[in-house]
């Protein structure tokens, strides 16, 4: 499980909960419930880190603030 901060909110436009990971640019996920969005965010973080490693990019250390807001 990754320890990056997640911002969770409802999007009326998407009719879904959105989970954004601000420490990993472009990393976000959605779901019909808050729990589903958070689960998908964990999957998105894993994919983000995997691609960054493949491309030789630096992976930021988690700031250690909130898990989600």
N, C-alpha and C. Protein backbone atom coordinates (compact mmCIF):
# COMPACT_ATOMS: atom_id res chain seq x y z
N UNK A 1 0.84 -1.18 0.00
CA UNK A 1 0.00 0.00 0.00
C UNK A 1 0.89 1.24 0.00
N UNK A 2 0.57 2.16 -0.88
CA UNK A 2 1.34 3.39 -0.98
C UNK A 2 0.83 4.41 0.04
N UNK A 3 1.71 5.28 0.48
CA UNK A 3 1.41 6.23 1.55
C UNK A 3 1.34 7.68 1.05
N UNK A 4 0.88 7.87 -0.16
CA UNK A 4 0.74 9.21 -0.71
C UNK A 4 -0.61 9.79 -0.31
N UNK A 5 -0.64 11.11 -0.18
CA UNK A 5 -1.87 11.81 0.14
C UNK A 5 -2.86 11.66 -1.02
N UNK A 6 -4.13 11.44 -0.68
CA UNK A 6 -5.19 11.31 -1.68
C UNK A 6 -6.27 12.34 -1.37
N UNK A 7 -6.67 13.08 -2.38
CA UNK A 7 -7.78 14.01 -2.24
C UNK A 7 -8.99 13.33 -2.88
N UNK A 8 -10.03 13.18 -2.09
CA UNK A 8 -11.23 12.45 -2.51
C UNK A 8 -12.41 13.42 -2.56
N UNK A 9 -13.11 13.44 -3.70
CA UNK A 9 -14.26 14.33 -3.81
C UNK A 9 -15.28 13.75 -4.78
N UNK A 10 -16.51 14.25 -4.69
CA UNK A 10 -17.59 13.86 -5.59
C UNK A 10 -17.57 14.77 -6.80
N UNK A 11 -17.66 14.20 -7.99
CA UNK A 11 -17.76 14.97 -9.22
C UNK A 11 -19.14 14.76 -9.82
N UNK A 12 -19.95 15.81 -9.80
CA UNK A 12 -21.29 15.72 -10.40
C UNK A 12 -21.17 15.51 -11.91
N UNK A 13 -20.15 16.14 -12.51
CA UNK A 13 -19.95 16.01 -13.95
C UNK A 13 -19.70 14.56 -14.36
N UNK A 14 -18.90 13.84 -13.56
CA UNK A 14 -18.57 12.45 -13.85
C UNK A 14 -19.52 11.46 -13.16
N UNK A 15 -20.34 11.97 -12.25
CA UNK A 15 -21.23 11.13 -11.44
C UNK A 15 -20.45 10.02 -10.76
N UNK A 16 -19.32 10.42 -10.15
CA UNK A 16 -18.44 9.45 -9.49
C UNK A 16 -17.59 10.16 -8.45
N UNK A 17 -17.05 9.36 -7.52
CA UNK A 17 -16.06 9.88 -6.59
C UNK A 17 -14.71 9.87 -7.31
N UNK A 18 -13.97 10.96 -7.15
CA UNK A 18 -12.65 11.10 -7.76
C UNK A 18 -11.60 11.08 -6.66
N UNK A 19 -10.54 10.33 -6.88
CA UNK A 19 -9.41 10.26 -5.94
C UNK A 19 -8.17 10.72 -6.69
N UNK A 20 -7.65 11.89 -6.28
CA UNK A 20 -6.45 12.46 -6.90
C UNK A 20 -5.26 12.27 -5.98
N UNK A 21 -4.10 12.00 -6.57
CA UNK A 21 -2.86 11.83 -5.82
C UNK A 21 -1.93 12.97 -6.23
N UNK A 22 -1.98 14.11 -5.53
CA UNK A 22 -1.25 15.29 -5.98
C UNK A 22 0.27 15.12 -6.04
N UNK A 23 0.83 14.22 -5.25
CA UNK A 23 2.28 14.02 -5.26
C UNK A 23 2.77 13.26 -6.49
N UNK A 24 1.85 12.61 -7.20
CA UNK A 24 2.18 11.87 -8.41
C UNK A 24 1.41 12.52 -9.56
N UNK A 25 2.03 13.43 -10.28
CA UNK A 25 1.33 14.20 -11.31
C UNK A 25 0.53 13.32 -12.29
N UNK A 26 -0.74 13.69 -12.44
CA UNK A 26 -1.62 12.98 -13.36
C UNK A 26 -2.22 11.71 -12.80
N UNK A 27 -1.88 11.35 -11.58
CA UNK A 27 -2.38 10.11 -10.99
C UNK A 27 -3.72 10.36 -10.31
N UNK A 28 -4.75 9.72 -10.86
CA UNK A 28 -6.08 9.83 -10.29
C UNK A 28 -6.91 8.61 -10.66
N UNK A 29 -8.01 8.44 -9.95
CA UNK A 29 -8.90 7.30 -10.20
C UNK A 29 -10.31 7.72 -9.83
N UNK A 30 -11.27 6.88 -10.16
CA UNK A 30 -12.65 7.18 -9.80
C UNK A 30 -13.37 5.90 -9.38
N UNK A 31 -14.54 6.08 -8.79
CA UNK A 31 -15.36 4.93 -8.41
C UNK A 31 -16.76 5.36 -8.04
N UNK A 32 -17.66 4.40 -7.98
CA UNK A 32 -19.05 4.68 -7.62
C UNK A 32 -19.19 4.99 -6.13
N UNK A 33 -18.25 4.50 -5.32
CA UNK A 33 -18.25 4.76 -3.88
C UNK A 33 -16.88 5.31 -3.49
N UNK A 34 -16.80 5.88 -2.30
CA UNK A 34 -15.52 6.37 -1.80
C UNK A 34 -14.50 5.23 -1.70
N UNK A 35 -14.93 4.11 -1.15
CA UNK A 35 -14.03 2.96 -1.00
C UNK A 35 -13.51 2.47 -2.35
N UNK A 36 -14.39 2.43 -3.34
CA UNK A 36 -13.99 1.97 -4.67
C UNK A 36 -12.98 2.94 -5.28
N UNK A 37 -13.21 4.24 -5.13
CA UNK A 37 -12.28 5.23 -5.66
C UNK A 37 -10.92 5.11 -4.98
N UNK A 38 -10.91 4.87 -3.67
CA UNK A 38 -9.64 4.71 -2.95
C UNK A 38 -8.91 3.44 -3.39
N UNK A 39 -9.65 2.36 -3.59
CA UNK A 39 -9.04 1.11 -4.08
C UNK A 39 -8.42 1.33 -5.45
N UNK A 40 -9.16 1.99 -6.32
CA UNK A 40 -8.65 2.27 -7.66
C UNK A 40 -7.46 3.22 -7.61
N UNK A 41 -7.44 4.12 -6.64
CA UNK A 41 -6.30 5.03 -6.50
C UNK A 41 -5.04 4.25 -6.14
N UNK A 42 -5.17 3.23 -5.30
CA UNK A 42 -4.01 2.39 -4.96
C UNK A 42 -3.48 1.69 -6.22
N UNK A 43 -4.39 1.21 -7.05
CA UNK A 43 -3.99 0.56 -8.31
C UNK A 43 -3.31 1.57 -9.24
N UNK A 44 -3.86 2.79 -9.30
CA UNK A 44 -3.29 3.83 -10.15
C UNK A 44 -1.89 4.22 -9.67
N UNK A 45 -1.71 4.30 -8.34
CA UNK A 45 -0.39 4.62 -7.80
C UNK A 45 0.62 3.54 -8.18
N UNK A 46 0.23 2.29 -8.07
CA UNK A 46 1.14 1.19 -8.43
C UNK A 46 1.53 1.28 -9.90
N UNK A 47 0.57 1.58 -10.76
CA UNK A 47 0.86 1.71 -12.18
C UNK A 47 1.76 2.92 -12.44
N UNK A 48 1.50 4.03 -11.76
CA UNK A 48 2.30 5.24 -11.93
C UNK A 48 3.75 4.97 -11.56
N UNK A 49 3.96 4.33 -10.40
CA UNK A 49 5.31 4.02 -9.93
C UNK A 49 6.00 3.06 -10.90
N UNK A 50 5.29 2.05 -11.37
CA UNK A 50 5.87 1.08 -12.30
C UNK A 50 6.35 1.76 -13.58
N UNK A 51 5.52 2.62 -14.15
CA UNK A 51 5.90 3.31 -15.38
C UNK A 51 7.07 4.26 -15.12
N UNK A 52 7.04 4.97 -14.00
CA UNK A 52 8.15 5.88 -13.67
C UNK A 52 9.46 5.10 -13.56
N UNK A 53 9.42 3.93 -12.94
CA UNK A 53 10.63 3.10 -12.83
C UNK A 53 11.11 2.67 -14.20
N UNK A 54 10.18 2.25 -15.06
CA UNK A 54 10.55 1.81 -16.41
C UNK A 54 11.20 2.94 -17.21
N UNK A 55 10.73 4.17 -16.98
CA UNK A 55 11.26 5.32 -17.70
C UNK A 55 12.47 5.95 -17.02
N UNK A 56 12.86 5.40 -15.87
CA UNK A 56 14.01 5.92 -15.14
C UNK A 56 13.75 7.25 -14.46
N UNK A 57 12.50 7.54 -14.18
CA UNK A 57 12.15 8.80 -13.52
C UNK A 57 12.20 8.66 -12.01
N UNK A 58 12.45 9.78 -11.36
CA UNK A 58 12.50 9.81 -9.90
C UNK A 58 11.09 9.63 -9.33
N UNK A 59 10.98 8.79 -8.33
CA UNK A 59 9.71 8.56 -7.65
C UNK A 59 9.73 9.37 -6.35
N UNK A 60 8.81 10.32 -6.20
CA UNK A 60 8.83 11.15 -5.00
C UNK A 60 8.55 10.36 -3.73
N UNK A 61 9.21 10.79 -2.65
CA UNK A 61 8.92 10.21 -1.34
C UNK A 61 7.60 10.79 -0.85
N UNK A 62 6.76 9.97 -0.23
CA UNK A 62 5.52 10.51 0.33
C UNK A 62 5.82 11.58 1.38
N UNK A 63 5.05 12.62 1.38
CA UNK A 63 5.25 13.71 2.34
C UNK A 63 4.86 13.32 3.75
N UNK A 64 4.05 12.29 3.88
CA UNK A 64 3.66 11.84 5.21
C UNK A 64 2.58 12.68 5.86
N UNK A 65 1.81 13.35 5.04
CA UNK A 65 0.72 14.14 5.60
C UNK A 65 -0.52 13.26 5.66
N UNK A 66 -1.67 13.80 5.31
CA UNK A 66 -2.92 13.05 5.35
C UNK A 66 -2.92 11.87 4.39
N UNK A 67 -3.57 10.80 4.76
CA UNK A 67 -3.75 9.69 3.82
C UNK A 67 -4.79 10.09 2.78
N UNK A 68 -5.88 10.68 3.23
CA UNK A 68 -6.85 11.23 2.29
C UNK A 68 -7.60 12.36 2.95
N UNK A 69 -8.10 13.24 2.13
CA UNK A 69 -8.83 14.41 2.64
C UNK A 69 -10.16 14.50 1.90
